[in-house]
Amino acid sequence: MMEKIRVELTKNPKEKPHLDPLPFGKFFSDHMFLMNYTAGQGWHDARIVPYGPFTLDPSCMVFHYAQEIFEGLKAYRRADGSIWLFRPEENFKRMNNSAVRMSIPEIDVDFCVDAVRQLVALEKDWVPDQKGASLYIRPFIIATDCTVGVHASKTYIFCIILSPSGNYYPEGLDPVHIAIEDEDVRAVRGGTGFTKCGGNYAGSIRASERAEKLGYSQVLWLDGVHRKYIEEVGSMNIMFKIDGKIVTPMLQGSVLPGITRKSILEVARDWGYPVEERLISVDEVLETAANGHMEEMWGTGTAAVVSPVGHIYYEGRDLPIGDGGIGELTQRFYDELTGIQWGTRPDARGWTQKVCD
């Protein structure tokens, strides 16, 4: 059993943001959760303390060798004022998968979910009541040994911070335009592509900047070996509706196993849609988009939930998906998941957890 979480309340509460719409990830609540790891002692000193900066030595390993991982989930305020989480245990199971790959000690899933619940309950006034806004929850672990030698750290900090946030994309549910990247690659099988570690995202920034200059919101990555199979978007998994079937890249170590992805596939199968998790080439994407066999395309992720794709760009060619608008099935998935999260639709699968009233 983990120790009881100690709580230290802030003496200087912040003014809460009153922007409508809220930006994503720009404001942070009054408190954060912290826990330390020491080799031979394990995880210890669990505490909720006032939000504030860390003091870290310049030789701290996270600065030099990027031994760190993170997660992202949300808390939702429903119409009756109660606050709920969506499948939080899945986030910490995935965090442990990332931890194993990055040689970071695993954490107790149930304890982490309880830590989130306690922190969110304390900060309940920070959970927005604006339509479509939520409290974004960012757990992360960083290596803290003070040495410039390449090895696994023997000490770590685990932290959870909270950010009241609006839509990830300024477009909201309007279709986004994405560019297929043909120069850089994001990940290879056997690497860290299936983890949520900062290096995966740092390595994607250059391609994202190129796409933005062309007027596209995101990059769609190809595999790192053949450079022809679709993998994922920078901040989302990707799905297609082709000839009535839902098609998405298979998980083989280079694609993040998204929790929203998993949820949508479970819903799709419940609804009777044929689902194919397989290799899908860029040529197939372009051909089916051009000949009308690709009926819809959308991204999935915690931040955006479901994001319809209206256009794709590749090697100087821009192609609309369907009529360039929101597909009927894409809208249906968005309505179902957000309905479960905000409590306007029944949660028959037991995916949500109540935090407090």
Protein backbone atom coordinates (compact mmCIF):
# COMPACT_ATOMS: atom_id res chain seq x y z
CA MET A 1 0.00 0.00 0.00
CA MET A 2 1.18 3.51 -0.80
CA GLU A 3 1.33 6.10 1.91
CA LYS A 4 -1.38 8.65 2.57
CA ILE A 5 -1.17 11.80 0.45
CA ARG A 6 -0.10 14.81 2.49
CA VAL A 7 -1.83 18.11 1.61
CA GLU A 8 -0.38 21.61 1.93
CA LEU A 9 -2.77 24.37 0.89
CA THR A 10 -1.67 27.51 -0.92
CA LYS A 11 -1.72 30.83 0.93
CA ASN A 12 -1.81 32.76 -2.34
CA PRO A 13 -4.67 31.50 -4.54
CA LYS A 14 -4.57 32.64 -8.16
CA GLU A 15 -7.27 34.49 -10.02
CA LYS A 16 -9.09 32.06 -12.27
CA PRO A 17 -9.19 32.83 -16.00
CA HIS A 18 -12.42 34.32 -17.31
CA LEU A 19 -11.74 33.98 -21.03
CA ASP A 20 -14.34 32.52 -23.37
CA PRO A 21 -13.17 30.53 -25.17
CA LEU A 22 -10.36 29.32 -22.94
CA PRO A 23 -7.03 28.69 -24.65
CA PHE A 24 -5.54 25.21 -24.34
CA GLY A 25 -2.84 24.65 -21.72
CA LYS A 26 -2.08 28.28 -20.85
CA PHE A 27 -3.36 28.50 -17.25
CA PHE A 28 -2.62 26.26 -14.27
CA SER A 29 -4.43 25.68 -10.99
CA ASP A 30 -3.33 26.48 -7.43
CA HIS A 31 -1.96 23.05 -6.48
CA MET A 32 0.00 20.14 -7.92
CA PHE A 33 0.71 16.56 -6.89
CA LEU A 34 4.30 15.48 -6.26
CA MET A 35 5.96 12.18 -5.40
CA ASN A 36 9.62 11.15 -5.35
CA TYR A 37 11.42 7.95 -6.26
CA THR A 38 14.68 6.83 -4.72
CA ALA A 39 16.38 3.55 -5.63
CA GLY A 40 16.06 1.13 -2.72
CA GLN A 41 13.17 3.08 -1.24
CA GLY A 42 10.69 3.17 -4.12
CA TRP A 43 8.07 5.86 -4.64
CA HIS A 44 7.60 7.97 -1.51
CA ASP A 45 6.55 11.32 -0.02
CA ALA A 46 3.26 11.67 -1.91
CA ARG A 47 1.94 15.18 -1.45
CA ILE A 48 -0.32 17.88 -2.84
CA VAL A 49 1.39 21.26 -2.56
CA PRO A 50 1.03 24.79 -3.94
CA TYR A 51 1.79 25.01 -7.68
CA GLY A 52 5.27 26.36 -8.20
CA PRO A 53 8.66 25.92 -9.90
CA PHE A 54 11.09 23.08 -9.27
CA THR A 55 14.66 23.68 -8.19
CA LEU A 56 16.82 21.37 -10.30
CA ASP A 57 20.58 21.12 -10.64
CA PRO A 58 21.93 22.02 -14.12
CA SER A 59 23.41 18.51 -14.33
CA CYS A 60 19.97 16.93 -13.78
CA MET A 61 19.68 13.98 -16.18
CA VAL A 62 16.36 14.98 -17.69
CA PHE A 63 18.05 18.04 -19.24
CA HIS A 64 20.75 15.99 -20.94
CA TYR A 65 19.29 12.59 -21.81
CA ALA A 66 15.53 13.24 -21.90
CA GLN A 67 14.59 10.40 -19.57
CA GLU A 68 11.00 11.47 -19.00
CA ILE A 69 7.42 10.47 -19.83
CA PHE A 70 4.01 12.08 -19.57
CA GLU A 71 0.27 11.52 -19.96
CA GLY A 72 -2.83 13.57 -20.66
CA LEU A 73 -6.42 13.15 -19.47
CA LYS A 74 -9.35 15.38 -18.54
CA ALA A 75 -11.92 16.10 -15.85
CA TYR A 76 -15.40 17.17 -16.98
CA ARG A 77 -17.97 19.30 -15.21
CA ARG A 78 -21.49 18.09 -15.96
CA ALA A 79 -24.68 20.12 -16.04
CA ASP A 80 -25.48 19.26 -12.40
CA GLY A 81 -22.05 20.57 -11.32
CA SER A 82 -20.54 17.15 -10.61
CA ILE A 83 -17.03 16.37 -11.88
CA TRP A 84 -16.06 13.17 -13.69
CA LEU A 85 -13.04 11.41 -15.19
CA PHE A 86 -12.95 9.30 -18.36
CA ARG A 87 -11.03 5.98 -18.21
CA PRO A 88 -8.17 7.34 -16.04
CA GLU A 89 -6.81 3.89 -15.29
CA GLU A 90 -6.02 3.47 -19.00
CA ASN A 91 -3.75 6.51 -18.89
CA PHE A 92 -1.69 5.14 -16.03
CA LYS A 93 -1.49 1.68 -17.58
CA ARG A 94 -0.09 3.37 -20.68
CA MET A 95 2.23 5.46 -18.53
CA ASN A 96 3.68 2.25 -17.13
CA ASN A 97 4.24 0.95 -20.68
CA SER A 98 6.13 4.16 -21.40
CA ALA A 99 8.05 3.80 -18.14
CA VAL A 100 9.26 0.29 -18.97
CA ARG A 101 10.55 1.42 -22.38
CA MET A 102 12.30 4.48 -20.90
CA SER A 103 13.81 2.57 -17.92
CA ILE A 104 11.71 4.49 -15.42
CA PRO A 105 10.23 2.76 -12.34
CA GLU A 106 6.57 1.82 -12.75
CA ILE A 107 3.86 3.40 -10.62
CA ASP A 108 0.80 1.94 -8.93
CA VAL A 109 -2.17 2.54 -11.24
CA ASP A 110 -4.85 2.64 -8.54
CA PHE A 111 -2.79 4.99 -6.39
CA CYS A 112 -2.27 7.36 -9.32
CA VAL A 113 -5.98 7.42 -10.12
CA ASP A 114 -6.68 8.20 -6.46
CA ALA A 115 -4.06 10.97 -6.53
CA VAL A 116 -5.78 12.51 -9.56
CA ARG A 117 -9.15 12.26 -7.84
CA GLN A 118 -7.87 13.97 -4.69
CA LEU A 119 -6.11 16.72 -6.62
CA VAL A 120 -9.09 17.41 -8.89
CA ALA A 121 -11.50 17.40 -5.92
CA LEU A 122 -9.30 19.97 -4.16
CA GLU A 123 -9.20 22.09 -7.33
CA LYS A 124 -12.84 21.57 -8.31
CA ASP A 125 -13.41 25.30 -8.71
CA TRP A 126 -10.87 25.23 -11.54
CA VAL A 127 -12.97 22.83 -13.63
CA PRO A 128 -14.58 25.03 -16.31
CA ASP A 129 -18.31 25.16 -16.86
CA GLN A 130 -18.02 26.55 -20.40
CA LYS A 131 -19.41 24.38 -23.19
CA GLY A 132 -16.66 22.16 -24.57
CA ALA A 133 -14.08 23.20 -21.95
CA SER A 134 -12.59 20.84 -19.37
CA LEU A 135 -9.76 20.50 -16.87
CA TYR A 136 -6.73 19.08 -18.64
CA ILE A 137 -4.64 16.81 -16.39
CA ARG A 138 -0.93 16.39 -17.11
CA PRO A 139 0.97 13.70 -15.15
CA PHE A 140 4.70 13.41 -15.90
CA ILE A 141 7.88 11.82 -14.56
CA ILE A 142 11.39 13.26 -14.90
CA ALA A 143 14.80 11.81 -14.09
CA THR A 144 16.67 13.84 -11.44
CA ASP A 145 20.11 12.25 -10.89
CA CYS A 146 22.82 14.91 -11.04
CA THR A 147 25.32 13.38 -13.44
CA VAL A 148 26.27 13.58 -17.09
CA GLY A 149 26.64 9.86 -17.62
CA VAL A 150 24.24 7.87 -19.79
CA HIS A 151 22.40 5.42 -17.54
CA ALA A 152 19.01 5.09 -15.91
CA SER A 153 18.52 7.60 -13.13
CA LYS A 154 18.16 6.35 -9.57
CA THR A 155 15.90 9.26 -8.57
CA TYR A 156 12.75 10.72 -10.15
CA ILE A 157 9.98 13.24 -9.59
CA PHE A 158 6.40 12.36 -10.47
CA CYS A 159 4.18 15.42 -10.85
CA ILE A 160 0.56 16.12 -11.83
CA ILE A 161 -0.53 19.61 -12.88
CA LEU A 162 -3.97 20.85 -13.93
CA SER A 163 -4.95 23.30 -16.67
CA PRO A 164 -8.48 24.59 -17.40
CA SER A 165 -8.62 24.42 -21.18
CA GLY A 166 -10.83 24.92 -24.20
CA ASN A 167 -10.53 23.22 -27.58
CA TYR A 168 -7.08 21.98 -28.60
CA TYR A 169 -7.67 23.16 -32.16
CA PRO A 170 -8.94 26.74 -32.60
CA GLU A 171 -11.19 25.34 -35.36
CA GLY A 172 -13.11 23.32 -32.76
CA LEU A 173 -15.02 20.63 -34.65
CA ASP A 174 -14.49 22.34 -38.00
CA PRO A 175 -12.49 20.06 -40.33
CA VAL A 176 -8.71 20.43 -40.09
CA HIS A 177 -6.32 20.33 -43.03
CA ILE A 178 -3.28 18.07 -42.65
CA ALA A 179 -0.09 17.54 -44.63
CA ILE A 180 1.48 14.13 -45.15
CA GLU A 181 5.16 14.39 -44.21
CA ASP A 182 7.58 12.93 -46.79
CA GLU A 183 10.96 14.02 -45.36
CA ASP A 184 11.17 13.52 -41.58
CA VAL A 185 9.94 10.42 -39.75
CA ARG A 186 8.47 10.26 -36.26
CA ALA A 187 9.31 6.76 -35.07
CA VAL A 188 10.40 3.26 -36.03
CA ARG A 189 9.41 -0.14 -34.70
CA GLY A 190 11.63 -0.96 -31.74
CA GLY A 191 12.01 2.71 -30.87
CA THR A 192 9.91 4.88 -28.59
CA GLY A 193 6.98 5.63 -30.89
CA PHE A 194 4.45 3.82 -28.67
CA THR A 195 5.48 5.84 -25.62
CA LYS A 196 4.49 9.35 -24.56
CA CYS A 197 7.96 10.82 -24.19
CA GLY A 198 9.06 14.32 -25.04
CA GLY A 199 11.60 13.27 -27.66
CA ASN A 200 8.83 11.99 -29.92
CA TYR A 201 7.23 15.42 -29.90
CA ALA A 202 10.43 17.50 -30.10
CA GLY A 203 11.41 15.57 -33.21
CA SER A 204 8.09 16.41 -34.83
CA ILE A 205 8.27 20.19 -34.49
CA ARG A 206 10.26 20.88 -37.67
CA ALA A 207 7.76 19.06 -39.89
CA SER A 208 4.85 20.75 -38.10
CA GLU A 209 6.37 24.15 -38.79
CA ARG A 210 6.74 23.30 -42.48
CA ALA A 211 3.10 22.20 -42.61
CA GLU A 212 1.93 25.38 -40.90
CA LYS A 213 3.73 27.51 -43.49
CA LEU A 214 1.72 25.70 -46.16
CA GLY A 215 -1.51 26.40 -44.26
CA TYR A 216 -2.01 22.96 -42.68
CA SER A 217 -2.81 22.34 -39.01
CA GLN A 218 -1.02 19.05 -38.48
CA VAL A 219 1.39 16.52 -39.94
CA LEU A 220 0.40 12.97 -40.89
CA TRP A 221 3.41 10.72 -40.45
CA LEU A 222 4.57 7.86 -42.65
CA ASP A 223 6.44 4.81 -41.32
CA GLY A 224 10.17 5.15 -40.84
CA VAL A 225 11.23 2.07 -42.84
CA HIS A 226 9.25 1.95 -46.09
CA ARG A 227 8.17 5.61 -45.94
CA LYS A 228 4.81 4.68 -47.40
CA TYR A 229 2.50 3.44 -44.63
CA ILE A 230 0.31 5.84 -42.65
CA GLU A 231 1.04 5.94 -38.91
CA GLU A 232 -0.49 8.84 -36.95
CA VAL A 233 -0.97 12.59 -36.80
CA GLY A 234 1.26 14.70 -34.55
CA SER A 235 -1.25 14.89 -31.70
CA MET A 236 -3.77 12.21 -32.70
CA ASN A 237 -4.32 8.72 -34.00
CA ILE A 238 -5.92 8.64 -37.45
CA MET A 239 -8.94 6.75 -38.80
CA PHE A 240 -10.63 6.40 -42.18
CA LYS A 241 -14.02 5.25 -43.39
CA ILE A 242 -13.41 3.48 -46.69
CA ASP A 243 -16.27 1.72 -48.47
CA GLY A 244 -18.22 1.52 -45.23
CA LYS A 245 -15.34 0.04 -43.21
CA ILE A 246 -13.41 1.78 -40.44
CA VAL A 247 -9.70 1.48 -41.16
CA THR A 248 -6.88 2.58 -38.85
CA PRO A 249 -3.14 1.83 -38.69
CA MET A 250 -2.29 -1.24 -36.66
CA LEU A 251 -0.36 -0.94 -33.40
CA GLN A 252 3.08 -2.41 -33.96
CA GLY A 253 5.31 -0.37 -31.69
CA SER A 254 5.65 2.88 -33.64
CA VAL A 255 2.14 4.27 -33.05
CA LEU A 256 0.82 5.61 -29.74
CA PRO A 257 -1.94 3.32 -28.39
CA GLY A 258 -4.49 6.09 -27.91
CA ILE A 259 -7.21 5.75 -25.30
CA THR A 260 -9.67 7.70 -27.46
CA ARG A 261 -8.64 5.44 -30.37
CA LYS A 262 -9.36 2.36 -28.27
CA SER A 263 -12.70 3.78 -27.12
CA ILE A 264 -13.88 4.63 -30.64
CA LEU A 265 -12.97 1.20 -31.97
CA GLU A 266 -14.93 -0.42 -29.14
CA VAL A 267 -17.93 1.82 -29.90
CA ALA A 268 -17.65 1.12 -33.63
CA ARG A 269 -17.70 -2.64 -33.08
CA ASP A 270 -20.67 -2.28 -30.71
CA TRP A 271 -22.48 -0.39 -33.45
CA GLY A 272 -21.77 -3.18 -35.94
CA TYR A 273 -19.21 -1.44 -38.14
CA PRO A 274 -16.47 -3.61 -39.65
CA VAL A 275 -13.12 -2.47 -38.24
CA GLU A 276 -9.73 -3.12 -39.84
CA GLU A 277 -6.50 -2.44 -37.95
CA ARG A 278 -3.91 -2.89 -40.67
CA LEU A 279 -1.26 -1.31 -42.85
CA ILE A 280 -2.66 1.47 -45.02
CA SER A 281 -0.38 3.00 -47.62
CA VAL A 282 -0.23 6.63 -48.64
CA ASP A 283 -1.10 5.49 -52.18
CA GLU A 284 -4.31 3.90 -50.90
CA VAL A 285 -5.19 7.06 -48.99
CA LEU A 286 -4.63 9.25 -52.05
CA GLU A 287 -6.44 6.90 -54.42
CA THR A 288 -9.50 6.40 -52.24
CA ALA A 289 -9.68 10.12 -51.46
CA ALA A 290 -9.55 10.91 -55.19
CA ASN A 291 -12.07 8.30 -56.35
CA GLY A 292 -14.60 8.87 -53.56
CA HIS A 293 -14.16 5.51 -51.82
CA MET A 294 -12.80 7.29 -48.76
CA GLU A 295 -15.97 8.64 -47.21
CA GLU A 296 -14.54 10.14 -44.03
CA MET A 297 -11.25 10.75 -42.22
CA TRP A 298 -10.77 11.85 -38.63
CA GLY A 299 -8.22 12.11 -35.85
CA THR A 300 -8.72 10.87 -32.30
CA GLY A 301 -7.06 11.97 -29.07
CA THR A 302 -7.68 13.14 -25.52
CA ALA A 303 -7.08 16.80 -26.30
CA ALA A 304 -9.25 17.06 -29.42
CA VAL A 305 -11.49 13.99 -28.78
CA VAL A 306 -12.50 13.63 -32.46
CA SER A 307 -11.21 15.98 -35.15
CA PRO A 308 -12.60 15.67 -38.71
CA VAL A 309 -10.10 15.99 -41.55
CA GLY A 310 -11.33 18.06 -44.49
CA HIS A 311 -8.25 18.10 -46.74
CA ILE A 312 -4.95 16.26 -47.08
CA TYR A 313 -1.80 17.48 -48.79
CA TYR A 314 0.98 15.37 -50.28
CA GLU A 315 3.76 16.25 -52.72
CA GLY A 316 2.10 19.42 -53.94
CA ARG A 317 -1.37 17.90 -54.25
CA ASP A 318 -4.33 18.89 -52.06
CA LEU A 319 -7.29 16.52 -51.90
CA PRO A 320 -10.64 17.04 -50.14
CA ILE A 321 -12.03 14.19 -48.04
CA GLY A 322 -15.63 13.65 -49.08
CA ASP A 323 -17.18 17.07 -49.45
CA GLY A 324 -14.57 18.62 -47.15
CA GLY A 325 -17.02 18.86 -44.25
CA ILE A 326 -17.74 16.84 -41.11
CA GLY A 327 -18.68 13.27 -41.94
CA GLU A 328 -21.84 11.75 -40.49
CA LEU A 329 -19.99 8.96 -38.67
CA THR A 330 -17.29 11.34 -37.41
CA GLN A 331 -20.00 13.53 -35.90
CA ARG A 332 -21.69 10.48 -34.40
CA PHE A 333 -18.46 9.34 -32.71
CA TYR A 334 -17.86 12.84 -31.35
CA ASP A 335 -21.39 13.06 -29.99
CA GLU A 336 -21.16 9.62 -28.38
CA LEU A 337 -17.82 10.12 -26.63
CA THR A 338 -18.46 13.67 -25.46
CA GLY A 339 -21.97 12.64 -24.42
CA ILE A 340 -20.51 9.91 -22.19
CA GLN A 341 -17.85 12.27 -20.83
CA TRP A 342 -20.30 15.06 -20.00
CA GLY A 343 -23.06 12.70 -18.88
CA THR A 344 -25.65 13.49 -21.56
CA ARG A 345 -25.51 9.91 -22.85
CA PRO A 346 -25.55 6.66 -20.87
CA ASP A 347 -22.22 5.10 -19.90
CA ALA A 348 -23.09 1.46 -20.52
CA ARG A 349 -19.43 0.43 -20.51
CA GLY A 350 -18.49 1.91 -17.11
CA TRP A 351 -15.88 4.25 -18.54
CA THR A 352 -16.48 7.26 -16.29
CA GLN A 353 -15.65 7.85 -12.62
CA LYS A 354 -17.27 10.48 -10.41
CA VAL A 355 -14.80 12.68 -8.52
CA CYS A 356 -17.13 14.94 -6.55
CA ASP A 357 -20.34 16.99 -6.66
